[in-house]
Amino acid sequence: MNIVYIVIICLVILFLAYSFRPNFSHYEKEKAQAQESKVPIIYGAGFCGYCTKQKDELDAANVDYVYYDCTLPENKEKCTGIKSYPTIKFPNQTELSIGKQPLEKFTAYIKK
């Protein structure tokens, strides 16, 4: 009979530990939002040649940026209102830059 009580107590402890485990998903979301606010965000599409050229140019120059492929379902919410590719949102600017941008606009975001 004592074994049954021990098993029940262990199961209750495991259930409580599982129920009150920390949820780190909001930390990941906050981290992504903080990252987005410090670097340019490029909204593009997999079929867009200009998007590919822009990304290749930024990668070669070691520029830090966030890229969303608006043709993917998981990026649908983030790409709301984007009508042409590439569309670039620079930090602290209210207007979006449409079309491939010159590398000089990205010099402040070169990875150290």
PDB file of N, CA and C in Angstrom:
ATOM      1  N   MET A   1       0.819  -1.195   0.000  1.00  0.00           N
ATOM      2  CA  MET A   1       0.000   0.000   0.000  1.00  0.00           C
ATOM      3  C   MET A   1       0.862   1.258   0.000  1.00  0.00           C
ATOM      4  N   ASN A   2       2.002   1.209   0.695  1.00  0.00           N
ATOM      5  CA  ASN A   2       2.883   2.375   0.744  1.00  0.00           C
ATOM      6  C   ASN A   2       3.425   2.722  -0.645  1.00  0.00           C
ATOM      7  N   ILE A   3       3.650   1.723  -1.476  1.00  0.00           N
ATOM      8  CA  ILE A   3       4.165   1.954  -2.829  1.00  0.00           C
ATOM      9  C   ILE A   3       3.126   2.720  -3.652  1.00  0.00           C
ATOM     10  N   VAL A   4       1.866   2.407  -3.480  1.00  0.00           N
ATOM     11  CA  VAL A   4       0.810   3.097  -4.218  1.00  0.00           C
ATOM     12  C   VAL A   4       0.809   4.583  -3.858  1.00  0.00           C
ATOM     13  N   TYR A   5       0.948   4.884  -2.555  1.00  0.00           N
ATOM     14  CA  TYR A   5       0.994   6.284  -2.116  1.00  0.00           C
ATOM     15  C   TYR A   5       2.225   6.995  -2.674  1.00  0.00           C
ATOM     16  N   ILE A   6       3.334   6.326  -2.700  1.00  0.00           N
ATOM     17  CA  ILE A   6       4.567   6.924  -3.224  1.00  0.00           C
ATOM     18  C   ILE A   6       4.413   7.218  -4.718  1.00  0.00           C
ATOM     19  N   VAL A   7       3.839   6.278  -5.458  1.00  0.00           N
ATOM     20  CA  VAL A   7       3.626   6.481  -6.891  1.00  0.00           C
ATOM     21  C   VAL A   7       2.663   7.646  -7.121  1.00  0.00           C
ATOM     22  N   ILE A   8       1.598   7.721  -6.366  1.00  0.00           N
ATOM     23  CA  ILE A   8       0.625   8.815  -6.510  1.00  0.00           C
ATOM     24  C   ILE A   8       1.280  10.157  -6.186  1.00  0.00           C
ATOM     25  N   ILE A   9       2.056  10.211  -5.132  1.00  0.00           N
ATOM     26  CA  ILE A   9       2.747  11.455  -4.755  1.00  0.00           C
ATOM     27  C   ILE A   9       3.731  11.866  -5.854  1.00  0.00           C
ATOM     28  N   CYS A  10       4.463  10.896  -6.406  1.00  0.00           N
ATOM     29  CA  CYS A  10       5.408  11.208  -7.492  1.00  0.00           C
ATOM     30  C   CYS A  10       4.666  11.732  -8.718  1.00  0.00           C
ATOM     31  N   LEU A  11       3.544  11.122  -9.053  1.00  0.00           N
ATOM     32  CA  LEU A  11       2.759  11.581 -10.198  1.00  0.00           C
ATOM     33  C   LEU A  11       2.217  12.991  -9.979  1.00  0.00           C
ATOM     34  N   VAL A  12       1.769  13.285  -8.770  1.00  0.00           N
ATOM     35  CA  VAL A  12       1.274  14.631  -8.455  1.00  0.00           C
ATOM     36  C   VAL A  12       2.408  15.641  -8.562  1.00  0.00           C
ATOM     37  N   ILE A  13       3.575  15.290  -8.060  1.00  0.00           N
ATOM     38  CA  ILE A  13       4.730  16.190  -8.146  1.00  0.00           C
ATOM     39  C   ILE A  13       5.128  16.427  -9.593  1.00  0.00           C
ATOM     40  N   LEU A  14       5.153  15.372 -10.400  1.00  0.00           N
ATOM     41  CA  LEU A  14       5.473  15.523 -11.820  1.00  0.00           C
ATOM     42  C   LEU A  14       4.430  16.384 -12.540  1.00  0.00           C
ATOM     43  N   PHE A  15       3.166  16.184 -12.226  1.00  0.00           N
ATOM     44  CA  PHE A  15       2.111  16.986 -12.836  1.00  0.00           C
ATOM     45  C   PHE A  15       2.269  18.456 -12.475  1.00  0.00           C
ATOM     46  N   LEU A  16       2.532  18.740 -11.209  1.00  0.00           N
ATOM     47  CA  LEU A  16       2.713  20.132 -10.779  1.00  0.00           C
ATOM     48  C   LEU A  16       3.955  20.753 -11.414  1.00  0.00           C
ATOM     49  N   ALA A  17       5.024  19.988 -11.490  1.00  0.00           N
ATOM     50  CA  ALA A  17       6.248  20.507 -12.109  1.00  0.00           C
ATOM     51  C   ALA A  17       6.005  20.813 -13.586  1.00  0.00           C
ATOM     52  N   TYR A  18       5.263  19.952 -14.270  1.00  0.00           N
ATOM     53  CA  TYR A  18       4.964  20.171 -15.683  1.00  0.00           C
ATOM     54  C   TYR A  18       4.025  21.370 -15.863  1.00  0.00           C
ATOM     55  N   SER A  19       3.052  21.498 -14.979  1.00  0.00           N
ATOM     56  CA  SER A  19       2.073  22.579 -15.084  1.00  0.00           C
ATOM     57  C   SER A  19       2.683  23.953 -14.850  1.00  0.00           C
ATOM     58  N   PHE A  20       3.675  24.027 -13.982  1.00  0.00           N
ATOM     59  CA  PHE A  20       4.265  25.315 -13.640  1.00  0.00           C
ATOM     60  C   PHE A  20       5.635  25.538 -14.263  1.00  0.00           C
ATOM     61  N   ARG A  21       5.931  24.786 -15.326  1.00  0.00           N
ATOM     62  CA  ARG A  21       7.220  24.971 -16.000  1.00  0.00           C
ATOM     63  C   ARG A  21       7.246  26.349 -16.661  1.00  0.00           C
ATOM     64  N   PRO A  22       8.421  26.948 -16.771  1.00  0.00           N
ATOM     65  CA  PRO A  22       8.491  28.278 -17.389  1.00  0.00           C
ATOM     66  C   PRO A  22       8.228  28.212 -18.886  1.00  0.00           C
ATOM     67  N   ASN A  23       7.588  29.244 -19.399  1.00  0.00           N
ATOM     68  CA  ASN A  23       7.282  29.352 -20.822  1.00  0.00           C
ATOM     69  C   ASN A  23       8.192  30.426 -21.407  1.00  0.00           C
ATOM     70  N   PHE A  24       9.111  30.026 -22.264  1.00  0.00           N
ATOM     71  CA  PHE A  24      10.092  30.959 -22.798  1.00  0.00           C
ATOM     72  C   PHE A  24       9.717  31.507 -24.170  1.00  0.00           C
ATOM     73  N   SER A  25       8.544  31.149 -24.695  1.00  0.00           N
ATOM     74  CA  SER A  25       8.187  31.594 -26.042  1.00  0.00           C
ATOM     75  C   SER A  25       8.082  33.110 -26.134  1.00  0.00           C
ATOM     76  N   HIS A  26       7.606  33.769 -25.082  1.00  0.00           N
ATOM     77  CA  HIS A  26       7.500  35.226 -25.144  1.00  0.00           C
ATOM     78  C   HIS A  26       8.873  35.879 -25.145  1.00  0.00           C
ATOM     79  N   TYR A  27       9.873  35.241 -24.552  1.00  0.00           N
ATOM     80  CA  TYR A  27      11.232  35.778 -24.600  1.00  0.00           C
ATOM     81  C   TYR A  27      11.780  35.744 -26.028  1.00  0.00           C
ATOM     82  N   GLU A  28      11.493  34.657 -26.737  1.00  0.00           N
ATOM     83  CA  GLU A  28      11.937  34.554 -28.126  1.00  0.00           C
ATOM     84  C   GLU A  28      11.263  35.620 -28.984  1.00  0.00           C
ATOM     85  N   LYS A  29       9.970  35.855 -28.753  1.00  0.00           N
ATOM     86  CA  LYS A  29       9.246  36.871 -29.511  1.00  0.00           C
ATOM     87  C   LYS A  29       9.821  38.261 -29.211  1.00  0.00           C
ATOM     88  N   GLU A  30      10.104  38.553 -27.923  1.00  0.00           N
ATOM     89  CA  GLU A  30      10.691  39.841 -27.557  1.00  0.00           C
ATOM     90  C   GLU A  30      12.084  40.002 -28.164  1.00  0.00           C
ATOM     91  N   LYS A  31      12.854  38.931 -28.177  1.00  0.00           N
ATOM     92  CA  LYS A  31      14.187  38.976 -28.770  1.00  0.00           C
ATOM     93  C   LYS A  31      14.105  39.270 -30.262  1.00  0.00           C
ATOM     94  N   ALA A  32      13.167  38.638 -30.953  1.00  0.00           N
ATOM     95  CA  ALA A  32      12.997  38.874 -32.388  1.00  0.00           C
ATOM     96  C   ALA A  32      12.552  40.311 -32.648  1.00  0.00           C
ATOM     97  N   GLN A  33      11.647  40.827 -31.817  1.00  0.00           N
ATOM     98  CA  GLN A  33      11.195  42.207 -31.996  1.00  0.00           C
ATOM     99  C   GLN A  33      12.326  43.193 -31.727  1.00  0.00           C
ATOM    100  N   ALA A  34      13.150  42.920 -30.727  1.00  0.00           N
ATOM    101  CA  ALA A  34      14.288  43.795 -30.438  1.00  0.00           C
ATOM    102  C   ALA A  34      15.279  43.770 -31.594  1.00  0.00           C
ATOM    103  N   GLN A  35      15.503  42.587 -32.156  1.00  0.00           N
ATOM    104  CA  GLN A  35      16.411  42.460 -33.299  1.00  0.00           C
ATOM    105  C   GLN A  35      15.865  43.244 -34.484  1.00  0.00           C
ATOM    106  N   GLU A  36      14.554  43.135 -34.723  1.00  0.00           N
ATOM    107  CA  GLU A  36      13.934  43.828 -35.849  1.00  0.00           C
ATOM    108  C   GLU A  36      14.035  45.338 -35.706  1.00  0.00           C
ATOM    109  N   SER A  37      13.995  45.846 -34.487  1.00  0.00           N
ATOM    110  CA  SER A  37      13.995  47.292 -34.307  1.00  0.00           C
ATOM    111  C   SER A  37      15.379  47.906 -34.515  1.00  0.00           C
ATOM    112  N   LYS A  38      16.415  47.085 -34.593  1.00  0.00           N
ATOM    113  CA  LYS A  38      17.784  47.603 -34.703  1.00  0.00           C
ATOM    114  C   LYS A  38      18.396  47.432 -36.084  1.00  0.00           C
ATOM    115  N   VAL A  39      17.788  46.635 -36.922  1.00  0.00           N
ATOM    116  CA  VAL A  39      18.358  46.357 -38.241  1.00  0.00           C
ATOM    117  C   VAL A  39      17.270  46.510 -39.304  1.00  0.00           C
ATOM    118  N   PRO A  40      17.676  46.694 -40.551  1.00  0.00           N
ATOM    119  CA  PRO A  40      16.686  46.775 -41.621  1.00  0.00           C
ATOM    120  C   PRO A  40      15.938  45.454 -41.788  1.00  0.00           C
ATOM    121  N   ILE A  41      14.670  45.574 -42.154  1.00  0.00           N
ATOM    122  CA  ILE A  41      13.853  44.400 -42.433  1.00  0.00           C
ATOM    123  C   ILE A  41      13.558  44.402 -43.930  1.00  0.00           C
ATOM    124  N   ILE A  42      13.864  43.297 -44.574  1.00  0.00           N
ATOM    125  CA  ILE A  42      13.623  43.171 -46.008  1.00  0.00           C
ATOM    126  C   ILE A  42      12.454  42.211 -46.205  1.00  0.00           C
ATOM    127  N   TYR A  43      11.417  42.706 -46.878  1.00  0.00           N
ATOM    128  CA  TYR A  43      10.269  41.888 -47.243  1.00  0.00           C
ATOM    129  C   TYR A  43      10.443  41.518 -48.705  1.00  0.00           C
ATOM    130  N   GLY A  44      10.550  40.241 -48.964  1.00  0.00           N
ATOM    131  CA  GLY A  44      10.817  39.799 -50.329  1.00  0.00           C
ATOM    132  C   GLY A  44       9.999  38.586 -50.696  1.00  0.00           C
ATOM    133  N   ALA A  45      10.368  37.993 -51.819  1.00  0.00           N
ATOM    134  CA  ALA A  45       9.703  36.794 -52.309  1.00  0.00           C
ATOM    135  C   ALA A  45      10.747  35.890 -52.946  1.00  0.00           C
ATOM    136  N   GLY A  46      10.523  34.605 -52.859  1.00  0.00           N
ATOM    137  CA  GLY A  46      11.470  33.643 -53.398  1.00  0.00           C
ATOM    138  C   GLY A  46      11.678  33.769 -54.896  1.00  0.00           C
ATOM    139  N   PHE A  47      10.668  34.222 -55.624  1.00  0.00           N
ATOM    140  CA  PHE A  47      10.764  34.350 -57.076  1.00  0.00           C
ATOM    141  C   PHE A  47      11.366  35.686 -57.519  1.00  0.00           C
ATOM    142  N   CYS A  48      11.628  36.586 -56.574  1.00  0.00           N
ATOM    143  CA  CYS A  48      12.076  37.944 -56.898  1.00  0.00           C
ATOM    144  C   CYS A  48      13.593  37.999 -57.090  1.00  0.00           C
ATOM    145  N   GLY A  49      14.015  38.287 -58.317  1.00  0.00           N
ATOM    146  CA  GLY A  49      15.445  38.390 -58.607  1.00  0.00           C
ATOM    147  C   GLY A  49      16.112  39.557 -57.892  1.00  0.00           C
ATOM    148  N   TYR A  50      15.402  40.684 -57.767  1.00  0.00           N
ATOM    149  CA  TYR A  50      15.961  41.843 -57.076  1.00  0.00           C
ATOM    150  C   TYR A  50      16.176  41.542 -55.588  1.00  0.00           C
ATOM    151  N   CYS A  51      15.274  40.757 -55.008  1.00  0.00           N
ATOM    152  CA  CYS A  51      15.418  40.374 -53.594  1.00  0.00           C
ATOM    153  C   CYS A  51      16.674  39.530 -53.411  1.00  0.00           C
ATOM    154  N   THR A  52      16.877  38.589 -54.307  1.00  0.00           N
ATOM    155  CA  THR A  52      18.050  37.724 -54.253  1.00  0.00           C
ATOM    156  C   THR A  52      19.328  38.542 -54.405  1.00  0.00           C
ATOM    157  N   LYS A  53      19.331  39.473 -55.362  1.00  0.00           N
ATOM    158  CA  LYS A  53      20.509  40.326 -55.557  1.00  0.00           C
ATOM    159  C   LYS A  53      20.771  41.187 -54.330  1.00  0.00           C
ATOM    160  N   GLN A  54      19.706  41.748 -53.731  1.00  0.00           N
ATOM    161  CA  GLN A  54      19.858  42.591 -52.545  1.00  0.00           C
ATOM    162  C   GLN A  54      20.445  41.782 -51.391  1.00  0.00           C
ATOM    163  N   LYS A  55      19.915  40.583 -51.161  1.00  0.00           N
ATOM    164  CA  LYS A  55      20.420  39.733 -50.085  1.00  0.00           C
ATOM    165  C   LYS A  55      21.870  39.327 -50.326  1.00  0.00           C
ATOM    166  N   ASP A  56      22.199  38.942 -51.552  1.00  0.00           N
ATOM    167  CA  ASP A  56      23.573  38.543 -51.877  1.00  0.00           C
ATOM    168  C   ASP A  56      24.543  39.700 -51.639  1.00  0.00           C
ATOM    169  N   GLU A  57      24.137  40.904 -52.051  1.00  0.00           N
ATOM    170  CA  GLU A  57      24.986  42.082 -51.869  1.00  0.00           C
ATOM    171  C   GLU A  57      25.191  42.385 -50.383  1.00  0.00           C
ATOM    172  N   LEU A  58      24.134  42.279 -49.585  1.00  0.00           N
ATOM    173  CA  LEU A  58      24.237  42.551 -48.153  1.00  0.00           C
ATOM    174  C   LEU A  58      25.054  41.477 -47.437  1.00  0.00           C
ATOM    175  N   ASP A  59      24.878  40.235 -47.836  1.00  0.00           N
ATOM    176  CA  ASP A  59      25.663  39.151 -47.242  1.00  0.00           C
ATOM    177  C   ASP A  59      27.144  39.315 -47.552  1.00  0.00           C
ATOM    178  N   ALA A  60      27.458  39.712 -48.783  1.00  0.00           N
ATOM    179  CA  ALA A  60      28.865  39.907 -49.170  1.00  0.00           C
ATOM    180  C   ALA A  60      29.494  41.055 -48.397  1.00  0.00           C
ATOM    181  N   ALA A  61      28.688  42.066 -48.062  1.00  0.00           N
ATOM    182  CA  ALA A  61      29.200  43.224 -47.319  1.00  0.00           C
ATOM    183  C   ALA A  61      29.105  43.018 -45.807  1.00  0.00           C
ATOM    184  N   ASN A  62      28.620  41.847 -45.367  1.00  0.00           N
ATOM    185  CA  ASN A  62      28.503  41.509 -43.951  1.00  0.00           C
ATOM    186  C   ASN A  62      27.540  42.447 -43.217  1.00  0.00           C
ATOM    187  N   VAL A  63      26.411  42.744 -43.858  1.00  0.00           N
ATOM    188  CA  VAL A  63      25.399  43.624 -43.279  1.00  0.00           C
ATOM    189  C   VAL A  63      24.395  42.781 -42.498  1.00  0.00           C
ATOM    190  N   ASP A  64      24.005  43.294 -41.340  1.00  0.00           N
ATOM    191  CA  ASP A  64      23.025  42.630 -40.490  1.00  0.00           C
ATOM    192  C   ASP A  64      21.625  43.086 -40.903  1.00  0.00           C
ATOM    193  N   TYR A  65      20.732  42.152 -41.188  1.00  0.00           N
ATOM    194  CA  TYR A  65      19.364  42.469 -41.594  1.00  0.00           C
ATOM    195  C   TYR A  65      18.463  41.287 -41.273  1.00  0.00           C
ATOM    196  N   VAL A  66      17.156  41.523 -41.317  1.00  0.00           N
ATOM    197  CA  VAL A  66      16.160  40.474 -41.149  1.00  0.00           C
ATOM    198  C   VAL A  66      15.429  40.345 -42.475  1.00  0.00           C
ATOM    199  N   TYR A  67      15.210  39.116 -42.931  1.00  0.00           N
ATOM    200  CA  TYR A  67      14.542  38.883 -44.214  1.00  0.00           C
ATOM    201  C   TYR A  67      13.291  38.051 -44.000  1.00  0.00           C
ATOM    202  N   TYR A  68      12.183  38.512 -44.569  1.00  0.00           N
ATOM    203  CA  TYR A  68      10.940  37.749 -44.553  1.00  0.00           C
ATOM    204  C   TYR A  68      10.535  37.435 -45.986  1.00  0.00           C
ATOM    205  N   ASP A  69      10.381  36.166 -46.276  1.00  0.00           N
ATOM    206  CA  ASP A  69       9.878  35.738 -47.575  1.00  0.00           C
ATOM    207  C   ASP A  69       8.350  35.775 -47.480  1.00  0.00           C
ATOM    208  N   CYS A  70       7.754  36.734 -48.127  1.00  0.00           N
ATOM    209  CA  CYS A  70       6.306  36.962 -48.016  1.00  0.00           C
ATOM    210  C   CYS A  70       5.479  35.904 -48.720  1.00  0.00           C
ATOM    211  N   THR A  71       6.102  34.993 -49.443  1.00  0.00           N
ATOM    212  CA  THR A  71       5.356  33.912 -50.084  1.00  0.00           C
ATOM    213  C   THR A  71       5.151  32.726 -49.142  1.00  0.00           C
ATOM    214  N   LEU A  72       5.806  32.751 -47.989  1.00  0.00           N
ATOM    215  CA  LEU A  72       5.665  31.658 -47.023  1.00  0.00           C
ATOM    216  C   LEU A  72       4.505  31.942 -46.073  1.00  0.00           C
ATOM    217  N   PRO A  73       3.693  30.943 -45.772  1.00  0.00           N
ATOM    218  CA  PRO A  73       2.514  31.150 -44.917  1.00  0.00           C
ATOM    219  C   PRO A  73       2.858  31.694 -43.526  1.00  0.00           C
ATOM    220  N   GLU A  74       3.983  31.286 -42.964  1.00  0.00           N
ATOM    221  CA  GLU A  74       4.319  31.733 -41.613  1.00  0.00           C
ATOM    222  C   GLU A  74       4.670  33.221 -41.549  1.00  0.00           C
ATOM    223  N   ASN A  75       4.936  33.844 -42.694  1.00  0.00           N
ATOM    224  CA  ASN A  75       5.262  35.272 -42.722  1.00  0.00           C
ATOM    225  C   ASN A  75       4.090  36.129 -43.195  1.00  0.00           C
ATOM    226  N   LYS A  76       2.947  35.530 -43.387  1.00  0.00           N
ATOM    227  CA  LYS A  76       1.792  36.252 -43.933  1.00  0.00           C
ATOM    228  C   LYS A  76       1.431  37.462 -43.072  1.00  0.00           C
ATOM    229  N   GLU A  77       1.395  37.288 -41.769  1.00  0.00           N
ATOM    230  CA  GLU A  77       1.022  38.380 -40.866  1.00  0.00           C
ATOM    231  C   GLU A  77       2.060  39.506 -40.895  1.00  0.00           C
ATOM    232  N   LYS A  78       3.333  39.148 -40.963  1.00  0.00           N
ATOM    233  CA  LYS A  78       4.396  40.154 -40.967  1.00  0.00           C
ATOM    234  C   LYS A  78       4.424  40.945 -42.269  1.00  0.00           C
ATOM    235  N   CYS A  79       3.935  40.345 -43.336  1.00  0.00           N
ATOM    236  CA  CYS A  79       3.993  40.970 -44.660  1.00  0.00           C
ATOM    237  C   CYS A  79       2.698  41.680 -45.038  1.00  0.00           C
ATOM    238  N   THR A  80       1.815  41.885 -44.086  1.00  0.00           N
ATOM    239  CA  THR A  80       0.555  42.565 -44.366  1.00  0.00           C
ATOM    240  C   THR A  80       0.829  43.966 -44.902  1.00  0.00           C
ATOM    241  N   GLY A  81       0.253  44.288 -46.014  1.00  0.00           N
ATOM    242  CA  GLY A  81       0.407  45.615 -46.608  1.00  0.00           C
ATOM    243  C   GLY A  81       1.568  45.751 -47.572  1.00  0.00           C
ATOM    244  N   ILE A  82       2.408  44.739 -47.681  1.00  0.00           N
ATOM    245  CA  ILE A  82       3.540  44.775 -48.612  1.00  0.00           C
ATOM    246  C   ILE A  82       3.019  44.407 -49.993  1.00  0.00           C
ATOM    247  N   LYS A  83       3.250  45.306 -50.964  1.00  0.00           N
ATOM    248  CA  LYS A  83       2.692  45.083 -52.300  1.00  0.00           C
ATOM    249  C   LYS A  83       3.746  44.871 -53.370  1.00  0.00           C
ATOM    250  N   SER A  84       4.997  45.232 -53.091  1.00  0.00           N
ATOM    251  CA  SER A  84       6.053  45.005 -54.085  1.00  0.00           C
ATOM    252  C   SER A  84       7.325  44.552 -53.377  1.00  0.00           C
ATOM    253  N   TYR A  85       8.186  43.901 -54.137  1.00  0.00           N
ATOM    254  CA  TYR A  85       9.402  43.310 -53.574  1.00  0.00           C
ATOM    255  C   TYR A  85      10.623  43.833 -54.298  1.00  0.00           C
ATOM    256  N   PRO A  86      11.723  44.008 -53.633  1.00  0.00           N
ATOM    257  CA  PRO A  86      11.849  44.033 -52.179  1.00  0.00           C
ATOM    258  C   PRO A  86      11.323  45.344 -51.603  1.00  0.00           C
ATOM    259  N   THR A  87      10.770  45.251 -50.420  1.00  0.00           N
ATOM    260  CA  THR A  87      10.385  46.422 -49.639  1.00  0.00           C
ATOM    261  C   THR A  87      11.237  46.387 -48.385  1.00  0.00           C
ATOM    262  N   ILE A  88      11.863  47.498 -48.060  1.00  0.00           N
ATOM    263  CA  ILE A  88      12.811  47.536 -46.952  1.00  0.00           C
ATOM    264  C   ILE A  88      12.361  48.560 -45.927  1.00  0.00           C
ATOM    265  N   LYS A  89      12.338  48.130 -44.683  1.00  0.00           N
ATOM    266  CA  LYS A  89      12.013  49.016 -43.569  1.00  0.00           C
ATOM    267  C   LYS A  89      13.291  49.255 -42.778  1.00  0.00           C
ATOM    268  N   PHE A  90      13.755  50.488 -42.805  1.00  0.00           N
ATOM    269  CA  PHE A  90      14.936  50.855 -42.032  1.00  0.00           C
ATOM    270  C   PHE A  90      14.508  51.279 -40.637  1.00  0.00           C
ATOM    271  N   PRO A  91      15.327  50.989 -39.613  1.00  0.00           N
ATOM    272  CA  PRO A  91      14.977  51.401 -38.252  1.00  0.00           C
ATOM    273  C   PRO A  91      14.795  52.917 -38.171  1.00  0.00           C
ATOM    274  N   ASN A  92      13.878  53.343 -37.341  1.00  0.00           N
ATOM    275  CA  ASN A  92      13.611  54.753 -37.061  1.00  0.00           C
ATOM    276  C   ASN A  92      13.166  55.531 -38.290  1.00  0.00           C
ATOM    277  N   GLN A  93      12.624  54.859 -39.287  1.00  0.00           N
ATOM    278  CA  GLN A  93      12.056  55.537 -40.443  1.00  0.00           C
ATOM    279  C   GLN A  93      10.613  55.087 -40.593  1.00  0.00           C
ATOM    280  N   THR A  94       9.741  56.022 -40.878  1.00  0.00           N
ATOM    281  CA  THR A  94       8.330  55.672 -40.991  1.00  0.00           C
ATOM    282  C   THR A  94       7.976  55.174 -42.385  1.00  0.00           C
ATOM    283  N   GLU A  95       8.685  55.655 -43.395  1.00  0.00           N
ATOM    284  CA  GLU A  95       8.377  55.240 -44.762  1.00  0.00           C
ATOM    285  C   GLU A  95       9.180  54.005 -45.149  1.00  0.00           C
ATOM    286  N   LEU A  96       8.560  53.167 -45.939  1.00  0.00           N
ATOM    287  CA  LEU A  96       9.225  51.978 -46.447  1.00  0.00           C
ATOM    288  C   LEU A  96       9.953  52.316 -47.740  1.00  0.00           C
ATOM    289  N   SER A  97      11.113  51.730 -47.940  1.00  0.00           N
ATOM    290  CA  SER A  97      11.863  51.902 -49.185  1.00  0.00           C
ATOM    291  C   SER A  97      11.496  50.750 -50.109  1.00  0.00           C
ATOM    292  N   ILE A  98      11.038  51.081 -51.297  1.00  0.00           N
ATOM    293  CA  ILE A  98      10.601  50.057 -52.239  1.00  0.00           C
ATOM    294  C   ILE A  98      11.654  49.898 -53.322  1.00  0.00           C
ATOM    295  N   GLY A  99      11.983  48.650 -53.635  1.00  0.00           N
ATOM    296  CA  GLY A  99      12.977  48.355 -54.656  1.00  0.00           C
ATOM    297  C   GLY A  99      14.351  48.138 -54.054  1.00  0.00           C
ATOM    298  N   LYS A 100      15.245  47.613 -54.871  1.00  0.00           N
ATOM    299  CA  LYS A 100      16.623  47.342 -54.438  1.00  0.00           C
ATOM    300  C   LYS A 100      17.292  48.663 -54.070  1.00  0.00           C
ATOM    301  N   GLN A 101      17.910  48.695 -52.887  1.00  0.00           N
ATOM    302  CA  GLN A 101      18.533  49.910 -52.362  1.00  0.00           C
ATOM    303  C   GLN A 101      20.046  49.829 -52.484  1.00  0.00           C
ATOM    304  N   PRO A 102      20.710  50.980 -52.637  1.00  0.00           N
ATOM    305  CA  PRO A 102      22.172  50.968 -52.726  1.00  0.00           C
ATOM    306  C   PRO A 102      22.801  50.547 -51.394  1.00  0.00           C
ATOM    307  N   LEU A 103      23.955  49.942 -51.481  1.00  0.00           N
ATOM    308  CA  LEU A 103      24.663  49.446 -50.302  1.00  0.00           C
ATOM    309  C   LEU A 103      24.964  50.558 -49.306  1.00  0.00           C
ATOM    310  N   GLU A 104      25.132  51.791 -49.775  1.00  0.00           N
ATOM    311  CA  GLU A 104      25.463  52.910 -48.891  1.00  0.00           C
ATOM    312  C   GLU A 104      24.385  53.127 -47.822  1.00  0.00           C
ATOM    313  N   LYS A 105      23.160  52.784 -48.105  1.00  0.00           N
ATOM    314  CA  LYS A 105      22.084  52.952 -47.126  1.00  0.00           C
ATOM    315  C   LYS A 105      22.211  51.962 -45.965  1.00  0.00           C
ATOM    316  N   PHE A 106      23.000  50.922 -46.151  1.00  0.00           N
ATOM    317  CA  PHE A 106      23.120  49.861 -45.155  1.00  0.00           C
ATOM    318  C   PHE A 106      24.420  49.917 -44.348  1.00  0.00           C
ATOM    319  N   THR A 107      25.265  50.913 -44.595  1.00  0.00           N
ATOM    320  CA  THR A 107      26.584  50.911 -43.951  1.00  0.00           C
ATOM    321  C   THR A 107      26.511  50.972 -42.430  1.00  0.00           C
ATOM    322  N   ALA A 108      25.491  51.562 -41.873  1.00  0.00           N
ATOM    323  CA  ALA A 108      25.368  51.645 -40.411  1.00  0.00           C
ATOM    324  C   ALA A 108      25.055  50.283 -39.790  1.00  0.00           C
ATOM    325  N   TYR A 109      24.694  49.299 -40.602  1.00  0.00           N
ATOM    326  CA  TYR A 109      24.284  47.994 -40.091  1.00  0.00           C
ATOM    327  C   TYR A 109      25.288  46.889 -40.371  1.00  0.00           C
ATOM    328  N   ILE A 110      26.489  47.267 -40.737  1.00  0.00           N
ATOM    329  CA  ILE A 110      27.544  46.254 -40.991  1.00  0.00           C
ATOM    330  C   ILE A 110      27.907  45.600 -39.678  1.00  0.00           C
ATOM    331  N   LYS A 111      27.959  44.269 -39.677  1.00  0.00           N
ATOM    332  CA  LYS A 111      28.307  43.521 -38.470  1.00  0.00           C
ATOM    333  C   LYS A 111      29.727  43.834 -38.048  1.00  0.00           C
ATOM    334  N   LYS A 112      29.881  43.989 -36.783  1.00  0.00           N
ATOM    335  CA  LYS A 112      31.213  44.306 -36.243  1.00  0.00           C
ATOM    336  C   LYS A 112      32.008  43.044 -36.034  1.00  0.00           C
TER     337      LYS A 112
END
